[in-house]
């Protein structure tokens, strides 16, 4: 892999990481802590939405983001020719 391709690969990888970690931060920290009172006015599956995000939602979103990251990285690896 050329040096330019390596830089482009890592730039895209870091972009994916920043976006996915931003989503996780939003769901776990902002929804679960800062907006909990506003979200608690909404019910989800019988629970207050703010409580749900703080207790369950952030974990579910984290697991989903892991699968999204795997898919994105497989696509990125194939794009730059570093897949197995």
Protein backbone atom coordinates (compact mmCIF):
# COMPACT_ATOMS: atom_id res chain seq x y z
CA UNK A 1 0.00 0.00 0.00
CA UNK A 2 1.39 3.38 -0.96
CA UNK A 3 1.90 6.11 1.61
CA UNK A 4 -0.91 8.21 0.08
CA UNK A 5 -3.33 5.28 0.21
CA UNK A 6 -2.34 4.57 3.81
CA UNK A 7 -3.04 8.18 4.80
CA UNK A 8 -6.39 8.15 2.98
CA UNK A 9 -7.29 4.82 4.61
CA UNK A 10 -6.57 6.12 8.12
CA UNK A 11 -8.30 9.43 7.42
CA UNK A 12 -11.49 7.58 6.46
CA UNK A 13 -11.10 5.21 9.41
CA UNK A 14 -10.78 8.12 11.84
CA UNK A 15 -13.79 9.81 10.24
CA UNK A 16 -15.87 6.68 10.83
CA UNK A 17 -14.65 6.44 14.41
CA UNK A 18 -15.45 10.09 15.12
CA UNK A 19 -18.97 9.78 13.72
CA UNK A 20 -19.75 6.52 15.53
CA UNK A 21 -18.29 7.69 18.84
CA UNK A 22 -20.23 10.94 18.44
CA UNK A 23 -23.44 8.96 18.05
CA UNK A 24 -22.60 6.87 21.11
CA UNK A 25 -21.77 10.01 23.12
CA UNK A 26 -25.07 11.58 22.08
CA UNK A 27 -27.10 8.53 23.05
CA UNK A 28 -25.31 7.60 26.28
CA UNK A 29 -24.28 10.95 27.71
CA UNK A 30 -26.59 13.59 26.24
CA UNK A 31 -29.79 11.51 26.13
CA UNK A 32 -29.03 9.59 29.32
CA UNK A 33 -27.90 12.54 31.46
CA UNK A 34 -28.54 16.00 30.04
CA UNK A 35 -31.89 15.45 28.35
CA UNK A 36 -33.23 12.83 30.74
CA UNK A 37 -35.97 15.05 32.19
CA UNK A 38 -37.26 16.09 28.77
CA UNK A 39 -37.13 12.52 27.46
CA UNK A 40 -38.88 11.17 30.56
CA UNK A 41 -42.07 12.86 29.34
CA UNK A 42 -42.12 10.25 26.52
CA UNK A 43 -42.92 6.58 27.17
CA UNK A 44 -41.16 3.73 25.33
CA UNK A 45 -42.23 0.12 25.96
CA UNK A 46 -43.80 1.21 29.24
CA UNK A 47 -40.68 3.01 30.50
CA UNK A 48 -39.76 6.66 30.55
CA UNK A 49 -37.57 7.28 27.50
CA UNK A 50 -34.80 9.08 29.44
CA UNK A 51 -34.58 6.21 31.91
CA UNK A 52 -34.56 3.71 29.05
CA UNK A 53 -31.67 5.48 27.29
CA UNK A 54 -29.69 5.66 30.53
CA UNK A 55 -30.25 1.99 31.44
CA UNK A 56 -30.70 0.08 28.19
CA UNK A 57 -30.57 2.26 25.11
CA UNK A 58 -26.92 3.22 25.25
CA UNK A 59 -25.89 -0.45 25.47
CA UNK A 60 -28.09 -1.44 22.53
CA UNK A 61 -26.82 1.45 20.46
CA UNK A 62 -23.21 0.54 21.34
CA UNK A 63 -23.68 -3.05 20.14
CA UNK A 64 -25.36 -1.83 16.94
CA UNK A 65 -22.49 0.62 16.36
CA UNK A 66 -19.99 -2.25 16.66
CA UNK A 67 -21.74 -4.09 13.83
CA UNK A 68 -21.93 -0.89 11.77
CA UNK A 69 -18.19 -0.32 12.32
CA UNK A 70 -17.38 -3.89 11.22
CA UNK A 71 -19.41 -3.39 8.03
CA UNK A 72 -17.80 0.00 7.34
CA UNK A 73 -14.29 -1.37 7.93
CA UNK A 74 -14.87 -4.39 5.69
CA UNK A 75 -15.98 -2.04 2.93
CA UNK A 76 -13.02 0.27 3.57
CA UNK A 77 -10.57 -2.63 3.58
CA UNK A 78 -11.86 -3.82 0.22
CA UNK A 79 -11.71 -0.28 -1.18
CA UNK A 80 -8.02 0.03 -0.30
CA UNK A 81 -7.10 -3.59 -0.98
CA UNK A 82 -6.15 -4.59 2.55
CA UNK A 83 -8.91 -7.17 3.14
CA UNK A 84 -8.14 -10.77 3.95
